[in-house]
Amino acid sequence: MSTTVTYPGDGVDADTEILNGITAALADDGHLIIPAEATPWQIAGPAGTGLDVPRAAIYLQDGLHMEINGDLLAKTGQFLGARDCMIRADKKTAFRLSGTGKVRMRKAEYAGEFRHCLNVRGSTDWLVDGALAFNDSGGDGIFIGPSETDLDDLRIQCADYAVKNVVCDNNRRQGISILSAIRALLYGCTLTNSVGTAPQSGLDIEPEYDSVNDLPDHITDLRVVNCVGSGSASRNFFVNLSHMGDTSPPATILFHNCRSLNTVRNPWGWNFSMPTFGPLGGRIDVVNCVARGLLKKALRVQWRVDRGPALNFHNFWSDDCAISLEPAPIELELGTAGGTGRHVWFNNLRISDRFDRALIQKTSIPDPCAEVRGTIQVDRLKDFRPRAAQVAGLPYVRYREFRDRPVTLHNTA
């Protein structure tokens, strides 16, 4: 029978030793509620020595349901270790984190890139839902990755999990980083204003490869649905497969009904990167997604490895993007000299543009590029006007070639 405990603190300081004692006691089938109070709960940094090892203020346990309805705020001057975080799950299973509260750090106090609000490593069958916010970290709002090889030599992957309806705002590195995903779902997440240290993306899907032990990360059946990215300094959505190796499994990812929205900063809408190395095969589908009002490109594809996943866009809309000094709203970098670009398919690529300029900037595309295919629908916006500035020396798909009619791209030089 499940046991429910409401944290009995004073509404000011949350004693992490007591908290972790409760989470340990409630392991397997317990429910811990951290209530809302008039002021934030002050969370002390991790106890113990060793500033170069992973540490956390609060540890999740197998089978635990932690419901956060209050505002958890990192104490000033704490979290001194470069790999410290607020909440951590390390090789756990069947836990749940829910509620309507916030987990906040003190971004301005930190250097580096690894002080995350929530750090999940090598865990299976878990859920984060409700309306939680993970803000102001020194790294990521949420980091999802394999078990760390300096703690074990297994590199256990995260599997069978879902993150739903969270907000990640004003984090130093990313809103959410995913290195490991097997049958995983991100649903209804809002990822905003990642700025401070590279890569500075709303969502960064970037699996790695332990070449010493020949242990690859997995991105298999990852679904990103109804998510919104806005305001990050570099990219709102970033898929970087360049760290995967020869033994990495095929990558399979679906983006569905996602939006990359306008911002005062200069992010790309979507960036898919696999310039040198990558997994053997796979498929990435981008379905019913839109990039709107961005200063930089709606889409940048750096897909220069012949063996990589097919990249398919179904009803992708670039709506008034690249409105700063950009040569085109779409950029394709698909191959190397003497090679062929990997398969990229546009099934109804819609471009709404205000400038008389290039639609697609082609960089390092083999001639002919037999594997770029699809249709483009072009809309002229009401304030359509000529564009004086162009970048010399680059081949473009020019606007006049596609004006007011659908176009088939096949063997495009």
Protein backbone atom coordinates (compact mmCIF):
# COMPACT_ATOMS: atom_id res chain seq x y z
CA MET A 1 0.00 0.00 0.00
CA SER A 2 1.36 3.42 -0.96
CA THR A 3 2.43 5.81 1.81
CA THR A 4 1.98 9.58 1.35
CA VAL A 5 4.10 12.04 3.33
CA THR A 6 3.93 15.85 3.23
CA TYR A 7 7.34 17.38 3.91
CA PRO A 8 7.18 18.79 7.46
CA GLY A 9 9.54 21.74 7.08
CA ASP A 10 9.17 25.30 8.30
CA GLY A 11 8.34 26.68 4.87
CA VAL A 12 11.73 28.38 4.55
CA ASP A 13 14.68 25.97 4.69
CA ALA A 14 14.30 22.49 3.25
CA ASP A 15 16.72 20.26 5.16
CA THR A 16 18.13 18.06 2.42
CA GLU A 17 19.32 15.44 4.91
CA ILE A 18 15.74 15.05 6.14
CA LEU A 19 14.41 15.15 2.58
CA ASN A 20 16.73 12.40 1.42
CA GLY A 21 15.91 10.35 4.50
CA ILE A 22 12.23 10.57 3.57
CA THR A 23 12.85 9.69 -0.10
CA ALA A 24 14.88 6.65 0.97
CA ALA A 25 12.11 5.54 3.34
CA LEU A 26 9.47 5.97 0.63
CA ALA A 27 11.37 3.99 -2.02
CA ASP A 28 9.42 1.40 -4.04
CA ASP A 29 5.90 2.80 -3.56
CA GLY A 30 5.89 6.09 -1.65
CA HIS A 31 4.53 9.58 -2.36
CA LEU A 32 6.33 12.68 -1.05
CA ILE A 33 4.58 16.06 -1.34
CA ILE A 34 6.55 19.29 -1.04
CA PRO A 35 3.85 21.93 -0.51
CA ALA A 36 3.66 25.49 -1.76
CA GLU A 37 4.57 28.15 0.80
CA ALA A 38 4.55 31.94 0.85
CA THR A 39 8.29 32.04 0.15
CA PRO A 40 10.61 29.67 -1.74
CA TRP A 41 12.07 26.61 -0.06
CA GLN A 42 15.82 27.25 0.29
CA ILE A 43 17.79 24.21 -0.89
CA ALA A 44 21.35 23.77 0.37
CA GLY A 45 24.03 22.43 -1.93
CA PRO A 46 25.20 18.81 -1.86
CA ALA A 47 26.91 17.63 1.29
CA GLY A 48 30.32 16.00 1.37
CA THR A 49 33.68 16.61 -0.24
CA GLY A 50 34.81 16.04 -3.80
CA LEU A 51 33.95 18.96 -6.05
CA ASP A 52 34.81 17.01 -9.22
CA VAL A 53 32.33 14.14 -8.75
CA PRO A 54 28.57 14.07 -9.47
CA ARG A 55 26.58 15.26 -6.46
CA ALA A 56 22.99 16.35 -5.84
CA ALA A 57 20.95 18.07 -3.18
CA ILE A 58 18.00 15.66 -3.58
CA TYR A 59 18.18 12.04 -4.78
CA LEU A 60 15.23 10.24 -6.37
CA GLN A 61 14.65 6.59 -5.53
CA ASP A 62 13.14 3.54 -7.22
CA GLY A 63 9.35 3.67 -7.23
CA LEU A 64 9.17 7.10 -5.57
CA HIS A 65 6.57 9.70 -6.55
CA MET A 66 7.80 13.17 -5.59
CA GLU A 67 5.19 15.90 -6.02
CA ILE A 68 6.68 19.41 -6.00
CA ASN A 69 4.08 22.15 -5.56
CA GLY A 70 6.40 24.66 -3.90
CA ASP A 71 9.25 26.77 -5.25
CA LEU A 72 12.60 25.03 -4.64
CA LEU A 73 15.41 27.60 -4.83
CA ALA A 74 19.12 26.88 -4.58
CA LYS A 75 20.80 28.69 -1.71
CA THR A 76 23.21 31.40 -2.69
CA GLY A 77 26.89 30.51 -2.47
CA GLN A 78 26.14 26.78 -2.64
CA PHE A 79 26.53 24.14 -5.38
CA LEU A 80 30.27 24.71 -5.62
CA GLY A 81 31.08 21.46 -7.43
CA ALA A 82 31.26 21.65 -11.21
CA ARG A 83 28.91 18.62 -11.51
CA ASP A 84 26.49 19.51 -8.70
CA CYS A 85 22.78 19.52 -9.42
CA MET A 86 19.51 20.08 -7.58
CA ILE A 87 17.76 16.72 -8.20
CA ARG A 88 19.35 13.50 -9.46
CA ALA A 89 18.22 10.01 -10.43
CA ASP A 90 21.09 7.57 -11.00
CA LYS A 91 20.17 4.15 -12.47
CA LYS A 92 16.69 4.27 -10.95
CA THR A 93 13.43 2.80 -12.18
CA ALA A 94 9.68 3.53 -11.96
CA PHE A 95 9.93 6.96 -10.35
CA ARG A 96 7.69 9.97 -10.99
CA LEU A 97 8.26 13.69 -10.55
CA SER A 98 5.10 15.81 -10.74
CA GLY A 99 3.43 18.94 -9.40
CA THR A 100 2.91 22.60 -10.18
CA GLY A 101 6.05 23.98 -8.56
CA LYS A 102 9.45 25.23 -9.66
CA VAL A 103 13.03 24.02 -9.35
CA ARG A 104 15.33 27.02 -9.62
CA MET A 105 19.05 27.60 -9.29
CA ARG A 106 21.14 30.79 -9.32
CA LYS A 107 22.54 30.94 -12.83
CA ALA A 108 24.46 34.18 -12.35
CA GLU A 109 26.62 32.57 -9.64
CA TYR A 110 27.93 29.69 -11.76
CA ALA A 111 30.61 29.07 -14.36
CA GLY A 112 30.85 25.90 -16.45
CA GLU A 113 27.95 23.98 -17.97
CA PHE A 114 26.93 21.04 -15.75
CA ARG A 115 24.94 22.36 -12.78
CA HIS A 116 21.53 21.03 -13.86
CA CYS A 117 18.16 21.42 -12.17
CA LEU A 118 17.29 17.76 -12.89
CA ASN A 119 19.89 15.16 -13.88
CA VAL A 120 18.60 11.72 -14.90
CA ARG A 121 21.22 9.05 -15.63
CA GLY A 122 20.75 5.47 -16.84
CA SER A 123 17.15 5.24 -15.58
CA THR A 124 14.13 3.36 -16.95
CA ASP A 125 10.34 3.52 -16.77
CA TRP A 126 10.04 7.04 -15.35
CA LEU A 127 7.83 10.10 -15.77
CA VAL A 128 8.09 13.86 -15.28
CA ASP A 129 4.72 15.58 -15.63
CA GLY A 130 2.31 18.13 -14.20
CA ALA A 131 3.31 21.73 -14.81
CA LEU A 132 6.80 21.83 -13.37
CA ALA A 133 9.40 24.49 -14.23
CA PHE A 134 13.17 23.94 -14.26
CA ASN A 135 14.77 27.36 -14.51
CA ASP A 136 17.96 29.38 -14.01
CA SER A 137 20.41 26.47 -13.88
CA GLY A 138 24.14 26.65 -14.43
CA GLY A 139 23.73 23.98 -17.11
CA ASP A 140 20.48 22.40 -18.29
CA GLY A 141 16.96 22.60 -16.99
CA ILE A 142 16.77 18.83 -17.54
CA PHE A 143 19.66 16.55 -18.54
CA ILE A 144 18.89 12.97 -19.68
CA GLY A 145 21.87 10.73 -20.32
CA PRO A 146 23.51 7.35 -19.74
CA SER A 147 25.14 6.29 -16.50
CA GLU A 148 28.51 7.96 -16.16
CA THR A 149 31.50 5.85 -17.10
CA ASP A 150 33.66 7.32 -14.35
CA LEU A 151 31.20 5.77 -11.87
CA ASP A 152 30.71 2.44 -13.70
CA ASP A 153 31.83 0.94 -17.00
CA LEU A 154 28.32 0.06 -18.23
CA ARG A 155 26.98 3.27 -19.81
CA ILE A 156 23.40 2.21 -19.07
CA GLN A 157 20.88 3.98 -21.32
CA CYS A 158 17.69 5.80 -20.32
CA ALA A 159 14.59 4.00 -21.61
CA ASP A 160 10.79 4.03 -21.48
CA TYR A 161 10.32 7.54 -20.14
CA ALA A 162 8.21 10.63 -20.74
CA VAL A 163 8.66 14.33 -19.95
CA LYS A 164 5.37 16.22 -20.26
CA ASN A 165 4.25 19.85 -20.01
CA VAL A 166 7.37 21.21 -18.33
CA VAL A 167 8.82 24.71 -18.72
CA CYS A 168 12.59 25.20 -18.95
CA ASP A 169 13.54 28.88 -18.96
CA ASN A 170 16.73 30.92 -18.67
CA ASN A 171 19.14 28.02 -18.32
CA ARG A 172 22.84 28.60 -18.89
CA ARG A 173 23.38 25.83 -21.47
CA GLN A 174 20.15 24.15 -22.67
CA GLY A 175 16.51 23.82 -21.77
CA ILE A 176 16.64 20.02 -22.16
CA SER A 177 19.62 17.89 -23.24
CA ILE A 178 19.03 14.32 -24.39
CA LEU A 179 21.98 11.96 -24.87
CA SER A 180 20.06 8.76 -24.28
CA ALA A 181 16.54 7.76 -25.35
CA ILE A 182 14.94 4.39 -26.01
CA ARG A 183 11.15 4.60 -26.44
CA ALA A 184 10.94 8.14 -25.07
CA LEU A 185 8.47 11.02 -25.32
CA LEU A 186 8.73 14.79 -24.85
CA TYR A 187 5.24 16.27 -24.93
CA GLY A 188 3.98 19.83 -24.55
CA CYS A 189 7.28 21.24 -23.27
CA THR A 190 8.14 24.95 -23.48
CA LEU A 191 11.87 25.64 -23.85
CA THR A 192 12.89 29.29 -23.72
CA ASN A 193 15.86 31.63 -23.36
CA SER A 194 18.82 29.24 -23.11
CA VAL A 195 21.80 31.56 -22.99
CA GLY A 196 25.20 31.59 -21.30
CA THR A 197 27.46 28.84 -22.67
CA ALA A 198 27.42 26.69 -25.83
CA PRO A 199 25.44 25.07 -27.35
CA GLN A 200 22.66 27.37 -25.94
CA SER A 201 19.71 25.45 -27.43
CA GLY A 202 16.15 24.96 -26.29
CA LEU A 203 16.31 21.21 -26.98
CA ASP A 204 19.62 19.53 -27.77
CA ILE A 205 19.56 15.87 -28.88
CA GLU A 206 23.25 14.96 -28.87
CA PRO A 207 24.16 11.31 -28.19
CA GLU A 208 27.78 10.42 -27.58
CA TYR A 209 30.07 7.44 -27.97
CA ASP A 210 32.50 5.98 -25.43
CA SER A 211 35.28 4.92 -27.82
CA VAL A 212 37.45 3.51 -25.02
CA ASN A 213 34.87 0.90 -24.02
CA ASP A 214 33.01 0.83 -27.39
CA LEU A 215 29.73 1.85 -25.75
CA PRO A 216 27.43 4.00 -27.92
CA ASP A 217 24.48 6.05 -26.75
CA HIS A 218 21.06 5.21 -28.19
CA ILE A 219 18.48 7.54 -29.74
CA THR A 220 15.80 5.03 -30.69
CA ASP A 221 12.10 5.88 -31.00
CA LEU A 222 12.32 9.37 -29.52
CA ARG A 223 9.15 11.44 -30.08
CA VAL A 224 9.01 15.22 -29.59
CA VAL A 225 5.39 16.33 -29.78
CA ASN A 226 3.64 19.71 -29.35
CA CYS A 227 6.78 21.40 -28.01
CA VAL A 228 7.70 25.09 -28.35
CA GLY A 229 11.18 26.61 -28.53
CA SER A 230 11.83 30.35 -28.33
CA GLY A 231 14.49 32.84 -27.37
CA SER A 232 17.60 30.66 -27.15
CA ALA A 233 20.88 32.20 -28.18
CA SER A 234 21.86 29.59 -30.78
CA ARG A 235 19.11 27.13 -31.81
CA ASN A 236 15.63 26.39 -30.60
CA PHE A 237 15.86 22.74 -31.71
CA PHE A 238 19.22 21.02 -32.29
CA VAL A 239 19.91 17.43 -33.39
CA ASN A 240 23.64 16.67 -33.42
CA LEU A 241 24.57 13.09 -34.35
CA SER A 242 28.22 13.82 -35.12
CA HIS A 243 29.51 12.15 -31.92
CA MET A 244 28.02 8.75 -32.76
CA GLY A 245 30.29 5.99 -34.03
CA ASP A 246 30.38 2.91 -36.24
CA THR A 247 28.67 0.72 -33.63
CA SER A 248 25.98 3.25 -32.79
CA PRO A 249 22.47 1.96 -33.50
CA PRO A 250 20.30 3.69 -36.12
CA ALA A 251 18.81 6.95 -34.86
CA THR A 252 15.01 7.28 -35.05
CA ILE A 253 13.39 10.59 -34.08
CA LEU A 254 10.00 12.17 -34.71
CA PHE A 255 9.17 15.87 -34.32
CA HIS A 256 5.41 16.44 -34.55
CA ASN A 257 3.47 19.72 -34.27
CA CYS A 258 6.43 21.64 -32.83
CA ARG A 259 6.99 25.39 -33.13
CA SER A 260 10.12 27.52 -33.20
CA LEU A 261 9.07 31.09 -32.53
CA ASN A 262 10.33 34.64 -32.84
CA THR A 263 12.84 36.11 -30.45
CA VAL A 264 15.04 39.13 -29.92
CA ARG A 265 18.06 36.81 -30.11
CA ASN A 266 19.44 35.09 -33.22
CA PRO A 267 18.64 31.36 -33.09
CA TRP A 268 18.13 28.99 -35.95
CA GLY A 269 14.76 27.31 -35.86
CA TRP A 270 15.97 23.74 -36.43
CA ASN A 271 19.58 22.60 -36.91
CA PHE A 272 20.33 19.01 -37.95
CA SER A 273 24.07 18.29 -37.82
CA MET A 274 26.06 15.26 -38.91
CA PRO A 275 29.08 16.75 -40.69
CA THR A 276 31.74 14.06 -40.32
CA PHE A 277 30.64 10.96 -38.40
CA GLY A 278 27.30 9.45 -37.46
CA PRO A 279 25.23 6.34 -36.94
CA LEU A 280 24.56 3.69 -39.55
CA GLY A 281 21.12 4.39 -40.94
CA GLY A 282 17.92 5.42 -39.24
CA ARG A 283 15.19 7.95 -39.92
CA ILE A 284 14.24 11.41 -38.69
CA ASP A 285 10.78 12.78 -39.47
CA VAL A 286 9.72 16.40 -38.96
CA VAL A 287 5.93 16.56 -39.34
CA ASN A 288 3.62 19.60 -39.25
CA CYS A 289 6.26 21.87 -37.72
CA VAL A 290 6.73 25.62 -38.14
CA ALA A 291 9.50 28.18 -37.69
CA ARG A 292 8.06 31.70 -37.45
CA GLY A 293 9.51 35.19 -37.35
CA LEU A 294 13.13 34.20 -36.70
CA LEU A 295 16.04 36.53 -37.32
CA LYS A 296 18.14 33.62 -38.59
CA LYS A 297 17.33 30.59 -40.73
CA ALA A 298 14.25 28.47 -40.18
CA LEU A 299 16.23 25.34 -41.03
CA ARG A 300 19.90 24.42 -41.32
CA VAL A 301 20.81 20.90 -42.44
CA GLN A 302 24.46 19.77 -42.25
CA TRP A 303 24.11 16.20 -43.45
CA ARG A 304 27.44 15.27 -45.00
CA VAL A 305 27.72 11.59 -44.10
CA ASP A 306 26.44 9.15 -46.72
CA ARG A 307 25.52 6.43 -44.23
CA GLY A 308 23.40 8.54 -41.88
CA PRO A 309 19.65 8.61 -41.26
CA ALA A 310 17.18 9.73 -43.88
CA LEU A 311 15.78 13.17 -43.06
CA ASN A 312 12.13 13.71 -44.00
CA PHE A 313 10.14 16.93 -43.70
CA HIS A 314 6.36 16.67 -44.02
CA ASN A 315 4.46 19.99 -44.09
CA PHE A 316 7.33 22.10 -42.73
CA TRP A 317 6.61 25.84 -42.79
CA SER A 318 9.22 28.60 -42.79
CA ASP A 319 7.09 31.64 -42.01
CA ASP A 320 8.92 34.97 -42.35
CA CYS A 321 12.33 33.75 -41.17
CA ALA A 322 15.93 34.85 -41.81
CA ILE A 323 14.89 38.48 -41.59
CA SER A 324 18.33 39.66 -40.48
CA LEU A 325 21.36 39.59 -42.81
CA GLU A 326 20.78 36.04 -44.05
CA PRO A 327 21.01 34.94 -47.70
CA ALA A 328 18.08 32.48 -47.47
CA PRO A 329 15.65 30.99 -44.93
CA ILE A 330 16.84 27.41 -45.59
CA GLU A 331 20.43 26.13 -45.75
CA LEU A 332 21.46 22.69 -47.03
CA GLU A 333 25.00 21.36 -46.58
CA LEU A 334 24.67 17.80 -47.75
CA GLY A 335 27.80 16.26 -49.15
CA THR A 336 31.52 16.32 -49.79
CA ALA A 337 33.40 16.59 -53.04
CA GLY A 338 33.00 13.38 -55.00
CA GLY A 339 30.28 12.08 -52.69
CA THR A 340 26.52 12.14 -52.60
CA GLY A 341 24.27 13.83 -50.09
CA ARG A 342 22.13 11.70 -47.83
CA HIS A 343 18.43 11.46 -48.54
CA VAL A 344 16.52 14.65 -47.67
CA TRP A 345 12.86 14.76 -48.63
CA PHE A 346 10.59 17.80 -48.49
CA ASN A 347 6.95 16.72 -48.68
CA ASN A 348 5.36 20.18 -48.99
CA LEU A 349 7.99 22.61 -47.76
CA ARG A 350 6.17 25.93 -47.45
CA ILE A 351 8.20 29.14 -47.47
CA SER A 352 6.54 32.48 -46.71
CA ASP A 353 9.09 35.19 -47.35
CA ARG A 354 9.14 38.96 -47.52
CA PHE A 355 12.27 39.27 -49.70
CA ASP A 356 13.06 38.73 -53.37
CA ARG A 357 16.03 36.49 -52.67
CA ALA A 358 17.24 32.91 -52.49
CA LEU A 359 14.94 30.33 -50.98
CA ILE A 360 17.61 27.74 -50.26
CA GLN A 361 21.30 28.35 -49.70
CA LYS A 362 23.21 25.35 -51.05
CA THR A 363 26.59 24.71 -49.47
CA SER A 364 28.86 21.78 -50.44
CA ILE A 365 26.11 19.92 -52.26
CA PRO A 366 27.37 17.38 -54.83
CA ASP A 367 26.37 17.98 -58.43
CA PRO A 368 23.95 16.41 -59.09
CA CYS A 369 22.50 15.90 -55.63
CA ALA A 370 20.27 12.95 -56.45
CA GLU A 371 18.88 12.48 -52.96
CA VAL A 372 17.25 15.89 -52.38
CA ARG A 373 13.63 15.66 -53.44
CA GLY A 374 10.21 17.05 -52.73
CA THR A 375 7.96 20.05 -53.31
CA ILE A 376 8.14 23.70 -52.30
CA GLN A 377 5.20 26.09 -52.02
CA VAL A 378 6.14 29.77 -51.94
CA ASP A 379 4.03 32.61 -50.52
CA ARG A 380 4.80 36.28 -50.95
CA LEU A 381 4.03 38.20 -47.79
CA LYS A 382 2.08 41.46 -48.00
CA ASP A 383 5.19 43.58 -47.45
CA PHE A 384 7.16 41.67 -50.12
CA ARG A 385 10.05 43.74 -51.39
CA PRO A 386 13.36 43.31 -53.23
CA ARG A 387 16.38 42.31 -51.24
CA ALA A 388 19.49 44.27 -52.13
CA ALA A 389 22.12 42.32 -50.17
CA GLN A 390 23.28 38.94 -51.46
CA VAL A 391 26.37 36.91 -50.66
CA ALA A 392 28.58 36.52 -53.71
CA GLY A 393 30.01 33.23 -54.88
CA LEU A 394 27.40 30.83 -53.48
CA PRO A 395 24.89 28.86 -55.55
CA TYR A 396 21.28 29.52 -54.65
CA VAL A 397 17.84 28.29 -55.48
CA ARG A 398 16.50 31.66 -56.55
CA TYR A 399 13.08 32.99 -55.67
CA ARG A 400 12.15 33.73 -59.27
CA GLU A 401 12.48 30.01 -60.08
CA PHE A 402 9.63 29.14 -57.70
CA ARG A 403 7.33 32.16 -57.63
CA ASP A 404 3.65 31.39 -56.99
CA ARG A 405 3.72 27.72 -57.88
CA PRO A 406 4.65 24.37 -56.33
CA VAL A 407 7.99 23.08 -57.48
CA THR A 408 9.56 19.64 -57.63
CA LEU A 409 13.14 19.39 -56.45
CA HIS A 410 14.84 16.46 -58.19
CA ASN A 411 18.50 16.19 -59.15
CA THR A 412 18.87 19.84 -58.23
CA ALA A 413 22.26 21.24 -59.16
